[in-house]
Structures are given as C-alpha cells and as structure tokens.
Amino acid sequence: MKIGQLAERTGVSAKAIRYYEQIGVLPPARREPNGYRVYESGATDRIGFIQDAQSAGMSLLEIQMILDLRDHG
C-alpha cells in the first residue's frame, strides 16, 4: 500500500510515517520506479505497536530498542 493509504488506515500522518522510517522504527519501504513508497501489510501492525508504546509513555528510542530485539531475536 502507498503511504497515503497507510496513513489513512493507521491515523498517523504521512510525515510521521516518513520520520518513523528515517529513524529506523519502521523498515524502509520498497520503492516503485516512480519513487513512491510501497509498504507491506505488516506496517499497519508495526505502527499500531509504536502508537500503543508511545501512549504507554515510551520514547521512540525505547521503542526502537524493543523492535530491534523483536526483529533480530
């Protein structure tokens, strides 16, 4: 799905999604030949986790550490 669709599904702005990708809490999206980002369906779950963790008071750095552990064992 494209960034606008992901933003709509998650309630997170496209700007925030690009920021999450930039700092590494969201894996880089695949790019179409025209440069558009294309996200896998799992991106919605990951952004949901990020939102829930932030709501619980965690910083993005703490969230990134947890996601790194989850991604790499």
Protein backbone atom coordinates (compact mmCIF):
# COMPACT_ATOMS: atom_id res chain seq x y z
CA MET A 1 0.00 0.00 0.00
CA LYS A 2 1.13 3.55 -0.62
CA ILE A 3 1.95 5.99 2.16
CA GLY A 4 -1.41 7.79 1.91
CA GLN A 5 -3.28 4.53 2.36
CA LEU A 6 -1.10 3.57 5.32
CA ALA A 7 -1.66 6.98 6.88
CA GLU A 8 -5.41 6.62 6.46
CA ARG A 9 -5.51 3.11 7.93
CA THR A 10 -3.39 3.98 10.96
CA GLY A 11 -4.42 7.56 11.64
CA VAL A 12 -0.75 8.61 11.51
CA SER A 13 0.31 11.38 9.16
CA ALA A 14 2.44 10.62 6.11
CA LYS A 15 5.07 12.94 7.57
CA ALA A 16 5.23 10.85 10.76
CA ILE A 17 5.46 7.64 8.73
CA ARG A 18 8.40 9.04 6.78
CA TYR A 19 10.00 10.06 10.10
CA TYR A 20 9.50 6.57 11.57
CA GLU A 21 11.21 5.16 8.50
CA GLN A 22 14.04 7.70 8.75
CA ILE A 23 14.83 6.87 12.41
CA GLY A 24 14.51 3.13 11.87
CA VAL A 25 11.40 2.15 13.82
CA LEU A 26 9.70 1.35 10.52
CA PRO A 27 11.64 -0.64 7.93
CA PRO A 28 12.33 1.17 4.65
CA ALA A 29 9.52 0.79 2.16
CA ARG A 30 10.04 -0.74 -1.23
CA ARG A 31 10.12 1.93 -3.94
CA GLU A 32 8.22 1.84 -7.20
CA PRO A 33 10.01 3.04 -10.35
CA ASN A 34 8.33 6.43 -9.91
CA GLY A 35 9.78 6.73 -6.37
CA TYR A 36 6.54 6.11 -4.48
CA ARG A 37 6.89 4.17 -1.25
CA VAL A 38 5.05 0.86 -1.08
CA TYR A 39 4.52 -0.67 2.37
CA GLU A 40 3.79 -4.28 3.24
CA SER A 41 0.60 -5.08 5.17
CA GLY A 42 2.64 -5.64 8.37
CA ALA A 43 3.42 -1.94 8.50
CA THR A 44 -0.04 -1.25 9.92
CA ASP A 45 0.61 -3.60 12.86
CA ARG A 46 4.03 -2.10 13.48
CA ILE A 47 2.68 1.44 13.51
CA GLY A 48 -0.07 0.28 15.85
CA PHE A 49 2.59 -1.08 18.20
CA ILE A 50 4.51 2.21 18.00
CA GLN A 51 1.36 4.18 18.83
CA ASP A 52 0.48 1.91 21.74
CA ALA A 53 4.01 2.08 23.14
CA GLN A 54 4.07 5.88 22.88
CA SER A 55 0.70 6.02 24.63
CA ALA A 56 2.23 3.98 27.44
CA GLY A 57 4.92 6.63 27.83
CA MET A 58 7.78 5.02 25.94
CA SER A 59 10.17 7.11 23.87
CA LEU A 60 10.90 6.33 20.25
CA LEU A 61 14.41 5.26 21.26
CA GLU A 62 12.98 2.72 23.72
CA ILE A 63 10.51 1.54 21.09
CA GLN A 64 13.32 1.16 18.57
CA MET A 65 15.29 -0.99 21.02
CA ILE A 66 12.30 -3.28 21.57
CA LEU A 67 11.62 -3.56 17.84
CA ASP A 68 15.30 -4.37 17.19
CA LEU A 69 15.11 -7.18 19.73
CA ARG A 70 11.88 -8.45 18.21
CA ASP A 71 13.24 -8.29 14.67
CA HIS A 72 16.61 -9.84 15.40
CA GLY A 73 15.82 -12.21 18.25
